[in-house]
């Protein structure tokens, strides 16, 4: 899968270094994969959820949420936001 963009991961990790390793691990797993559906994605990431057209990943043992739009047919993962759990709970990402 092609992840767009790594910069969002790096920016978040600079502010929250305690999740850097988890974000790196997520990036490596997704980049190597070729998911064809949400069901297949869930086989690798058991704690992933779907909210509308977006896919929500728990990162670092629930320390962060990664919000992505995944286009399985084009093998693209667009990172919309990476948020701390309290930021995610405010629901502003849905706007």
PDB file of N, CA and C in Angstrom:
ATOM      1  N   UNK A   1       0.851  -1.170   0.000  1.00  0.00           N
ATOM      2  CA  UNK A   1       0.000   0.000   0.000  1.00  0.00           C
ATOM      3  C   UNK A   1       0.907   1.247   0.000  1.00  0.00           C
ATOM      4  N   UNK A   2       0.419   2.279  -0.622  1.00  0.00           N
ATOM      5  CA  UNK A   2       1.153   3.540  -0.655  1.00  0.00           C
ATOM      6  C   UNK A   2       0.538   4.472   0.393  1.00  0.00           C
ATOM      7  N   UNK A   3       1.340   4.875   1.374  1.00  0.00           N
ATOM      8  CA  UNK A   3       0.865   5.716   2.471  1.00  0.00           C
ATOM      9  C   UNK A   3       1.142   7.172   2.156  1.00  0.00           C
ATOM     10  N   UNK A   4       0.087   7.986   2.213  1.00  0.00           N
ATOM     11  CA  UNK A   4       0.200   9.416   1.932  1.00  0.00           C
ATOM     12  C   UNK A   4      -0.338  10.156   3.156  1.00  0.00           C
ATOM     13  N   UNK A   5       0.366  10.816   3.893  1.00  0.00           N
ATOM     14  CA  UNK A   5       1.757  11.144   3.788  1.00  0.00           C
ATOM     15  C   UNK A   5       2.471  10.816   5.096  1.00  0.00           C
ATOM     16  N   UNK A   6       3.676  10.401   4.962  1.00  0.00           N
ATOM     17  CA  UNK A   6       4.531  10.052   6.102  1.00  0.00           C
ATOM     18  C   UNK A   6       4.758  11.273   6.997  1.00  0.00           C
ATOM     19  N   UNK A   7       4.697  12.457   6.413  1.00  0.00           N
ATOM     20  CA  UNK A   7       4.943  13.695   7.161  1.00  0.00           C
ATOM     21  C   UNK A   7       3.994  13.824   8.354  1.00  0.00           C
ATOM     22  N   UNK A   8       2.743  13.466   8.194  1.00  0.00           N
ATOM     23  CA  UNK A   8       1.794  13.560   9.314  1.00  0.00           C
ATOM     24  C   UNK A   8       2.206  12.646  10.469  1.00  0.00           C
ATOM     25  N   UNK A   9       2.718  11.477  10.126  1.00  0.00           N
ATOM     26  CA  UNK A   9       3.197  10.563  11.165  1.00  0.00           C
ATOM     27  C   UNK A   9       4.393  11.165  11.890  1.00  0.00           C
ATOM     28  N   UNK A  10       5.332  11.694  11.118  1.00  0.00           N
ATOM     29  CA  UNK A  10       6.537  12.278  11.711  1.00  0.00           C
ATOM     30  C   UNK A  10       6.217  13.495  12.566  1.00  0.00           C
ATOM     31  N   UNK A  11       5.325  14.353  12.088  1.00  0.00           N
ATOM     32  CA  UNK A  11       4.945  15.545  12.863  1.00  0.00           C
ATOM     33  C   UNK A  11       4.323  15.157  14.198  1.00  0.00           C
ATOM     34  N   UNK A  12       3.438  14.165  14.175  1.00  0.00           N
ATOM     35  CA  UNK A  12       2.803  13.718  15.412  1.00  0.00           C
ATOM     36  C   UNK A  12       3.845  13.088  16.343  1.00  0.00           C
ATOM     37  N   UNK A  13       4.732  12.280  15.795  1.00  0.00           N
ATOM     38  CA  UNK A  13       5.753  11.605  16.604  1.00  0.00           C
ATOM     39  C   UNK A  13       6.730  12.605  17.221  1.00  0.00           C
ATOM     40  N   UNK A  14       6.987  13.715  16.532  1.00  0.00           N
ATOM     41  CA  UNK A  14       7.853  14.752  17.104  1.00  0.00           C
ATOM     42  C   UNK A  14       7.227  15.355  18.359  1.00  0.00           C
ATOM     43  N   UNK A  15       5.908  15.511  18.351  1.00  0.00           N
ATOM     44  CA  UNK A  15       5.204  16.081  19.502  1.00  0.00           C
ATOM     45  C   UNK A  15       4.917  15.040  20.581  1.00  0.00           C
ATOM     46  N   UNK A  16       4.810  13.779  20.168  1.00  0.00           N
ATOM     47  CA  UNK A  16       4.458  12.682  21.085  1.00  0.00           C
ATOM     48  C   UNK A  16       5.420  11.507  20.865  1.00  0.00           C
ATOM     49  N   UNK A  17       6.663  11.657  21.327  1.00  0.00           N
ATOM     50  CA  UNK A  17       7.677  10.614  21.058  1.00  0.00           C
ATOM     51  C   UNK A  17       7.352   9.247  21.646  1.00  0.00           C
ATOM     52  N   UNK A  18       6.443   9.180  22.604  1.00  0.00           N
ATOM     53  CA  UNK A  18       6.097   7.893  23.209  1.00  0.00           C
ATOM     54  C   UNK A  18       5.354   6.958  22.249  1.00  0.00           C
ATOM     55  N   UNK A  19       4.847   7.484  21.135  1.00  0.00           N
ATOM     56  CA  UNK A  19       4.162   6.633  20.160  1.00  0.00           C
ATOM     57  C   UNK A  19       4.943   6.483  18.847  1.00  0.00           C
ATOM     58  N   UNK A  20       6.142   7.035  18.788  1.00  0.00           N
ATOM     59  CA  UNK A  20       6.947   6.968  17.555  1.00  0.00           C
ATOM     60  C   UNK A  20       7.142   5.530  17.087  1.00  0.00           C
ATOM     61  N   UNK A  21       7.538   4.640  17.988  1.00  0.00           N
ATOM     62  CA  UNK A  21       7.781   3.250  17.593  1.00  0.00           C
ATOM     63  C   UNK A  21       6.508   2.583  17.073  1.00  0.00           C
ATOM     64  N   UNK A  22       5.387   2.868  17.706  1.00  0.00           N
ATOM     65  CA  UNK A  22       4.114   2.284  17.265  1.00  0.00           C
ATOM     66  C   UNK A  22       3.718   2.810  15.890  1.00  0.00           C
ATOM     67  N   UNK A  23       3.938   4.098  15.643  1.00  0.00           N
ATOM     68  CA  UNK A  23       3.637   4.666  14.323  1.00  0.00           C
ATOM     69  C   UNK A  23       4.550   4.077  13.256  1.00  0.00           C
ATOM     70  N   UNK A  24       5.826   3.906  13.590  1.00  0.00           N
ATOM     71  CA  UNK A  24       6.772   3.303  12.636  1.00  0.00           C
ATOM     72  C   UNK A  24       6.367   1.871  12.306  1.00  0.00           C
ATOM     73  N   UNK A  25       5.977   1.131  13.328  1.00  0.00           N
ATOM     74  CA  UNK A  25       5.547  -0.259  13.117  1.00  0.00           C
ATOM     75  C   UNK A  25       4.301  -0.292  12.231  1.00  0.00           C
ATOM     76  N   UNK A  26       3.319   0.581  12.517  1.00  0.00           N
ATOM     77  CA  UNK A  26       2.105   0.660  11.699  1.00  0.00           C
ATOM     78  C   UNK A  26       2.463   0.961  10.247  1.00  0.00           C
ATOM     79  N   UNK A  27       3.327   1.942  10.037  1.00  0.00           N
ATOM     80  CA  UNK A  27       3.710   2.348   8.683  1.00  0.00           C
ATOM     81  C   UNK A  27       4.359   1.190   7.922  1.00  0.00           C
ATOM     82  N   UNK A  28       5.270   0.488   8.570  1.00  0.00           N
ATOM     83  CA  UNK A  28       5.948  -0.640   7.922  1.00  0.00           C
ATOM     84  C   UNK A  28       4.962  -1.743   7.552  1.00  0.00           C
ATOM     85  N   UNK A  29       4.031  -2.053   8.458  1.00  0.00           N
ATOM     86  CA  UNK A  29       3.046  -3.113   8.185  1.00  0.00           C
ATOM     87  C   UNK A  29       2.141  -2.739   7.016  1.00  0.00           C
ATOM     88  N   UNK A  30       1.666  -1.509   7.008  1.00  0.00           N
ATOM     89  CA  UNK A  30       0.748  -1.078   5.954  1.00  0.00           C
ATOM     90  C   UNK A  30       1.466  -0.991   4.618  1.00  0.00           C
ATOM     91  N   UNK A  31       2.678  -0.478   4.630  1.00  0.00           N
ATOM     92  CA  UNK A  31       3.441  -0.308   3.381  1.00  0.00           C
ATOM     93  C   UNK A  31       3.722  -1.666   2.714  1.00  0.00           C
ATOM     94  N   UNK A  32       3.967  -2.696   3.504  1.00  0.00           N
ATOM     95  CA  UNK A  32       4.268  -4.022   2.954  1.00  0.00           C
ATOM     96  C   UNK A  32       3.021  -4.762   2.477  1.00  0.00           C
ATOM     97  N   UNK A  33       1.869  -4.353   2.974  1.00  0.00           N
ATOM     98  CA  UNK A  33       0.624  -5.089   2.728  1.00  0.00           C
ATOM     99  C   UNK A  33      -0.017  -4.724   1.392  1.00  0.00           C
ATOM    100  N   UNK A  34      -0.977  -5.561   1.013  1.00  0.00           N
ATOM    101  CA  UNK A  34      -1.795  -5.310  -0.176  1.00  0.00           C
ATOM    102  C   UNK A  34      -3.236  -5.682   0.172  1.00  0.00           C
ATOM    103  N   UNK A  35      -3.818  -4.894   1.072  1.00  0.00           N
ATOM    104  CA  UNK A  35      -5.178  -5.169   1.525  1.00  0.00           C
ATOM    105  C   UNK A  35      -6.163  -4.937   0.395  1.00  0.00           C
ATOM    106  N   UNK A  36      -7.134  -5.844   0.264  1.00  0.00           N
ATOM    107  CA  UNK A  36      -8.147  -5.674  -0.780  1.00  0.00           C
ATOM    108  C   UNK A  36      -9.513  -5.320  -0.199  1.00  0.00           C
ATOM    109  N   UNK A  37      -9.625  -5.359   1.149  1.00  0.00           N
ATOM    110  CA  UNK A  37     -10.902  -5.041   1.779  1.00  0.00           C
ATOM    111  C   UNK A  37     -10.671  -4.717   3.257  1.00  0.00           C
ATOM    112  N   UNK A  38     -11.709  -4.136   3.865  1.00  0.00           N
ATOM    113  CA  UNK A  38     -11.648  -3.851   5.296  1.00  0.00           C
ATOM    114  C   UNK A  38     -11.525  -5.152   6.088  1.00  0.00           C
ATOM    115  N   UNK A  39     -12.210  -6.180   5.659  1.00  0.00           N
ATOM    116  CA  UNK A  39     -12.141  -7.476   6.358  1.00  0.00           C
ATOM    117  C   UNK A  39     -10.708  -8.005   6.376  1.00  0.00           C
ATOM    118  N   UNK A  40     -10.015  -7.866   5.277  1.00  0.00           N
ATOM    119  CA  UNK A  40      -8.622  -8.320   5.218  1.00  0.00           C
ATOM    120  C   UNK A  40      -7.723  -7.437   6.088  1.00  0.00           C
ATOM    121  N   UNK A  41      -7.976  -6.149   6.096  1.00  0.00           N
ATOM    122  CA  UNK A  41      -7.229  -5.221   6.946  1.00  0.00           C
ATOM    123  C   UNK A  41      -7.401  -5.603   8.410  1.00  0.00           C
ATOM    124  N   UNK A  42      -8.607  -5.975   8.784  1.00  0.00           N
ATOM    125  CA  UNK A  42      -8.913  -6.327  10.169  1.00  0.00           C
ATOM    126  C   UNK A  42      -8.198  -7.603  10.602  1.00  0.00           C
ATOM    127  N   UNK A  43      -7.826  -8.448   9.681  1.00  0.00           N
ATOM    128  CA  UNK A  43      -7.060  -9.648  10.029  1.00  0.00           C
ATOM    129  C   UNK A  43      -5.684  -9.267  10.568  1.00  0.00           C
ATOM    130  N   UNK A  44      -5.133  -8.168  10.075  1.00  0.00           N
ATOM    131  CA  UNK A  44      -3.828  -7.690  10.530  1.00  0.00           C
ATOM    132  C   UNK A  44      -3.958  -6.752  11.714  1.00  0.00           C
ATOM    133  N   UNK A  45      -4.951  -5.858  11.662  1.00  0.00           N
ATOM    134  CA  UNK A  45      -5.166  -4.863  12.708  1.00  0.00           C
ATOM    135  C   UNK A  45      -6.525  -5.137  13.368  1.00  0.00           C
ATOM    136  N   UNK A  46      -6.516  -5.908  14.423  1.00  0.00           N
ATOM    137  CA  UNK A  46      -7.775  -6.315  15.053  1.00  0.00           C
ATOM    138  C   UNK A  46      -8.514  -5.163  15.729  1.00  0.00           C
ATOM    139  N   UNK A  47      -7.798  -4.100  16.057  1.00  0.00           N
ATOM    140  CA  UNK A  47      -8.436  -2.992  16.761  1.00  0.00           C
ATOM    141  C   UNK A  47      -8.735  -1.808  15.832  1.00  0.00           C
ATOM    142  N   UNK A  48      -9.012  -2.086  14.590  1.00  0.00           N
ATOM    143  CA  UNK A  48      -9.350  -1.049  13.621  1.00  0.00           C
ATOM    144  C   UNK A  48     -10.874  -0.951  13.503  1.00  0.00           C
ATOM    145  N   UNK A  49     -11.360   0.273  13.304  1.00  0.00           N
ATOM    146  CA  UNK A  49     -12.799   0.493  13.167  1.00  0.00           C
ATOM    147  C   UNK A  49     -13.075   1.329  11.926  1.00  0.00           C
ATOM    148  N   UNK A  50     -14.303   1.268  11.477  1.00  0.00           N
ATOM    149  CA  UNK A  50     -14.732   2.048  10.328  1.00  0.00           C
ATOM    150  C   UNK A  50     -15.779   3.042  10.806  1.00  0.00           C
ATOM    151  N   UNK A  51     -15.582   4.317  10.477  1.00  0.00           N
ATOM    152  CA  UNK A  51     -16.541   5.373  10.807  1.00  0.00           C
ATOM    153  C   UNK A  51     -16.852   6.087   9.500  1.00  0.00           C
ATOM    154  N   UNK A  52     -17.997   5.794   8.934  1.00  0.00           N
ATOM    155  CA  UNK A  52     -18.327   6.340   7.619  1.00  0.00           C
ATOM    156  C   UNK A  52     -17.350   5.805   6.591  1.00  0.00           C
ATOM    157  N   UNK A  53     -16.748   6.704   5.840  1.00  0.00           N
ATOM    158  CA  UNK A  53     -15.766   6.311   4.828  1.00  0.00           C
ATOM    159  C   UNK A  53     -14.349   6.273   5.376  1.00  0.00           C
ATOM    160  N   UNK A  54     -14.182   6.583   6.652  1.00  0.00           N
ATOM    161  CA  UNK A  54     -12.845   6.638   7.255  1.00  0.00           C
ATOM    162  C   UNK A  54     -12.549   5.388   8.074  1.00  0.00           C
ATOM    163  N   UNK A  55     -11.271   5.086   8.190  1.00  0.00           N
ATOM    164  CA  UNK A  55     -10.797   3.949   8.965  1.00  0.00           C
ATOM    165  C   UNK A  55      -9.995   4.493  10.137  1.00  0.00           C
ATOM    166  N   UNK A  56     -10.286   4.004  11.333  1.00  0.00           N
ATOM    167  CA  UNK A  56      -9.665   4.495  12.558  1.00  0.00           C
ATOM    168  C   UNK A  56      -8.803   3.387  13.166  1.00  0.00           C
ATOM    169  N   UNK A  57      -7.517   3.693  13.350  1.00  0.00           N
ATOM    170  CA  UNK A  57      -6.576   2.748  13.956  1.00  0.00           C
ATOM    171  C   UNK A  57      -6.236   3.222  15.362  1.00  0.00           C
ATOM    172  N   UNK A  58      -6.201   2.296  16.324  1.00  0.00           N
ATOM    173  CA  UNK A  58      -5.670   2.589  17.659  1.00  0.00           C
ATOM    174  C   UNK A  58      -4.166   2.403  17.576  1.00  0.00           C
ATOM    175  N   UNK A  59      -3.438   3.381  18.044  1.00  0.00           N
ATOM    176  CA  UNK A  59      -1.977   3.344  17.971  1.00  0.00           C
ATOM    177  C   UNK A  59      -1.396   3.417  19.377  1.00  0.00           C
ATOM    178  N   UNK A  60      -0.387   2.630  19.628  1.00  0.00           N
ATOM    179  CA  UNK A  60       0.342   2.711  20.892  1.00  0.00           C
ATOM    180  C   UNK A  60      -0.493   2.363  22.104  1.00  0.00           C
ATOM    181  N   UNK A  61      -1.277   1.322  22.006  1.00  0.00           N
ATOM    182  CA  UNK A  61      -2.080   0.907  23.150  1.00  0.00           C
ATOM    183  C   UNK A  61      -3.108   1.944  23.546  1.00  0.00           C
ATOM    184  N   UNK A  62      -3.770   2.515  22.549  1.00  0.00           N
ATOM    185  CA  UNK A  62      -4.847   3.481  22.764  1.00  0.00           C
ATOM    186  C   UNK A  62      -4.347   4.886  23.115  1.00  0.00           C
ATOM    187  N   UNK A  63      -3.069   5.163  22.910  1.00  0.00           N
ATOM    188  CA  UNK A  63      -2.536   6.507  23.176  1.00  0.00           C
ATOM    189  C   UNK A  63      -2.880   7.471  22.051  1.00  0.00           C
ATOM    190  N   UNK A  64      -3.052   6.947  20.855  1.00  0.00           N
ATOM    191  CA  UNK A  64      -3.316   7.806  19.698  1.00  0.00           C
ATOM    192  C   UNK A  64      -4.300   7.120  18.756  1.00  0.00           C
ATOM    193  N   UNK A  65      -4.907   7.935  17.910  1.00  0.00           N
ATOM    194  CA  UNK A  65      -5.805   7.442  16.866  1.00  0.00           C
ATOM    195  C   UNK A  65      -5.291   7.949  15.530  1.00  0.00           C
ATOM    196  N   UNK A  66      -5.202   7.047  14.583  1.00  0.00           N
ATOM    197  CA  UNK A  66      -4.802   7.397  13.226  1.00  0.00           C
ATOM    198  C   UNK A  66      -6.047   7.274  12.364  1.00  0.00           C
ATOM    199  N   UNK A  67      -6.407   8.368  11.706  1.00  0.00           N
ATOM    200  CA  UNK A  67      -7.610   8.406  10.876  1.00  0.00           C
ATOM    201  C   UNK A  67      -7.169   8.424   9.420  1.00  0.00           C
ATOM    202  N   UNK A  68      -7.655   7.463   8.657  1.00  0.00           N
ATOM    203  CA  UNK A  68      -7.223   7.333   7.265  1.00  0.00           C
ATOM    204  C   UNK A  68      -8.405   7.061   6.345  1.00  0.00           C
ATOM    205  N   UNK A  69      -8.229   7.487   5.115  1.00  0.00           N
ATOM    206  CA  UNK A  69      -9.146   7.117   4.036  1.00  0.00           C
ATOM    207  C   UNK A  69      -8.389   6.097   3.196  1.00  0.00           C
ATOM    208  N   UNK A  70      -8.949   4.915   3.050  1.00  0.00           N
ATOM    209  CA  UNK A  70      -8.251   3.852   2.333  1.00  0.00           C
ATOM    210  C   UNK A  70      -8.981   3.554   1.034  1.00  0.00           C
ATOM    211  N   UNK A  71      -8.227   3.578  -0.053  1.00  0.00           N
ATOM    212  CA  UNK A  71      -8.751   3.235  -1.373  1.00  0.00           C
ATOM    213  C   UNK A  71      -8.102   1.907  -1.761  1.00  0.00           C
ATOM    214  N   UNK A  72      -8.785   0.830  -1.449  1.00  0.00           N
ATOM    215  CA  UNK A  72      -8.226  -0.509  -1.657  1.00  0.00           C
ATOM    216  C   UNK A  72      -7.935  -0.776  -3.131  1.00  0.00           C
ATOM    217  N   UNK A  73      -8.799  -0.310  -4.012  1.00  0.00           N
ATOM    218  CA  UNK A  73      -8.610  -0.576  -5.445  1.00  0.00           C
ATOM    219  C   UNK A  73      -7.369   0.124  -6.006  1.00  0.00           C
ATOM    220  N   UNK A  74      -6.964   1.237  -5.409  1.00  0.00           N
ATOM    221  CA  UNK A  74      -5.774   1.964  -5.874  1.00  0.00           C
ATOM    222  C   UNK A  74      -4.556   1.729  -4.992  1.00  0.00           C
ATOM    223  N   UNK A  75      -4.744   0.926  -3.918  1.00  0.00           N
ATOM    224  CA  UNK A  75      -3.660   0.619  -2.979  1.00  0.00           C
ATOM    225  C   UNK A  75      -3.107   1.885  -2.321  1.00  0.00           C
ATOM    226  N   UNK A  76      -3.990   2.810  -1.946  1.00  0.00           N
ATOM    227  CA  UNK A  76      -3.591   4.085  -1.328  1.00  0.00           C
ATOM    228  C   UNK A  76      -4.217   4.223   0.052  1.00  0.00           C
ATOM    229  N   UNK A  77      -3.408   4.715   0.988  1.00  0.00           N
ATOM    230  CA  UNK A  77      -3.863   5.033   2.336  1.00  0.00           C
ATOM    231  C   UNK A  77      -3.564   6.508   2.564  1.00  0.00           C
ATOM    232  N   UNK A  78      -4.617   7.303   2.664  1.00  0.00           N
ATOM    233  CA  UNK A  78      -4.467   8.740   2.883  1.00  0.00           C
ATOM    234  C   UNK A  78      -4.658   9.017   4.372  1.00  0.00           C
ATOM    235  N   UNK A  79      -3.606   9.475   5.027  1.00  0.00           N
ATOM    236  CA  UNK A  79      -3.692   9.787   6.446  1.00  0.00           C
ATOM    237  C   UNK A  79      -4.375  11.144   6.586  1.00  0.00           C
ATOM    238  N   UNK A  80      -5.543  11.146   7.186  1.00  0.00           N
ATOM    239  CA  UNK A  80      -6.303  12.386   7.380  1.00  0.00           C
ATOM    240  C   UNK A  80      -5.847  13.111   8.636  1.00  0.00           C
ATOM    241  N   UNK A  81      -5.558  12.337   9.708  1.00  0.00           N
ATOM    242  CA  UNK A  81      -5.126  12.951  10.968  1.00  0.00           C
ATOM    243  C   UNK A  81      -4.545  11.888  11.882  1.00  0.00           C
ATOM    244  N   UNK A  82      -3.670  12.332  12.768  1.00  0.00           N
ATOM    245  CA  UNK A  82      -3.195  11.502  13.873  1.00  0.00           C
ATOM    246  C   UNK A  82      -3.456  12.342  15.115  1.00  0.00           C
ATOM    247  N   UNK A  83      -4.230  11.794  16.040  1.00  0.00           N
ATOM    248  CA  UNK A  83      -4.677  12.553  17.200  1.00  0.00           C
ATOM    249  C   UNK A  83      -4.422  11.783  18.487  1.00  0.00           C
ATOM    250  N   UNK A  84      -4.255  12.519  19.576  1.00  0.00           N
ATOM    251  CA  UNK A  84      -4.224  11.862  20.874  1.00  0.00           C
ATOM    252  C   UNK A  84      -5.643  11.376  21.162  1.00  0.00           C
ATOM    253  N   UNK A  85      -5.765  10.491  22.107  1.00  0.00           N
ATOM    254  CA  UNK A  85      -7.092   9.975  22.438  1.00  0.00           C
ATOM    255  C   UNK A  85      -8.037  11.101  22.881  1.00  0.00           C
ATOM    256  N   UNK A  86      -7.605  12.036  23.753  1.00  0.00           N
ATOM    257  CA  UNK A  86      -8.506  13.146  24.126  1.00  0.00           C
ATOM    258  C   UNK A  86      -8.890  14.035  22.933  1.00  0.00           C
ATOM    259  N   UNK A  87      -7.969  14.285  22.007  1.00  0.00           N
ATOM    260  CA  UNK A  87      -8.290  15.079  20.814  1.00  0.00           C
ATOM    261  C   UNK A  87      -9.339  14.359  19.964  1.00  0.00           C
ATOM    262  N   UNK A  88      -9.165  13.069  19.817  1.00  0.00           N
ATOM    263  CA  UNK A  88     -10.100  12.259  19.036  1.00  0.00           C
ATOM    264  C   UNK A  88     -11.503  12.310  19.649  1.00  0.00           C
ATOM    265  N   UNK A  89     -11.565  12.229  20.971  1.00  0.00           N
ATOM    266  CA  UNK A  89     -12.853  12.216  21.669  1.00  0.00           C
ATOM    267  C   UNK A  89     -13.651  13.509  21.497  1.00  0.00           C
ATOM    268  N   UNK A  90     -13.000  14.598  21.125  1.00  0.00           N
ATOM    269  CA  UNK A  90     -13.698  15.872  20.915  1.00  0.00           C
ATOM    270  C   UNK A  90     -14.506  15.862  19.612  1.00  0.00           C
ATOM    271  N   UNK A  91     -14.255  14.870  18.768  1.00  0.00           N
ATOM    272  CA  UNK A  91     -15.006  14.675  17.506  1.00  0.00           C
ATOM    273  C   UNK A  91     -14.847  15.785  16.473  1.00  0.00           C
ATOM    274  N   UNK A  92     -13.880  16.667  16.612  1.00  0.00           N
ATOM    275  CA  UNK A  92     -13.676  17.724  15.611  1.00  0.00           C
ATOM    276  C   UNK A  92     -13.172  17.164  14.285  1.00  0.00           C
ATOM    277  N   UNK A  93     -12.574  15.980  14.325  1.00  0.00           N
ATOM    278  CA  UNK A  93     -12.053  15.340  13.108  1.00  0.00           C
ATOM    279  C   UNK A  93     -13.175  14.955  12.164  1.00  0.00           C
ATOM    280  N   UNK A  94     -14.401  14.874  12.654  1.00  0.00           N
ATOM    281  CA  UNK A  94     -15.532  14.493  11.813  1.00  0.00           C
ATOM    282  C   UNK A  94     -16.022  15.639  10.937  1.00  0.00           C
ATOM    283  N   UNK A  95     -15.580  16.850  11.240  1.00  0.00           N
ATOM    284  CA  UNK A  95     -16.055  18.029  10.498  1.00  0.00           C
ATOM    285  C   UNK A  95     -15.426  18.123   9.135  1.00  0.00           C
TER     286      UNK A  95
END
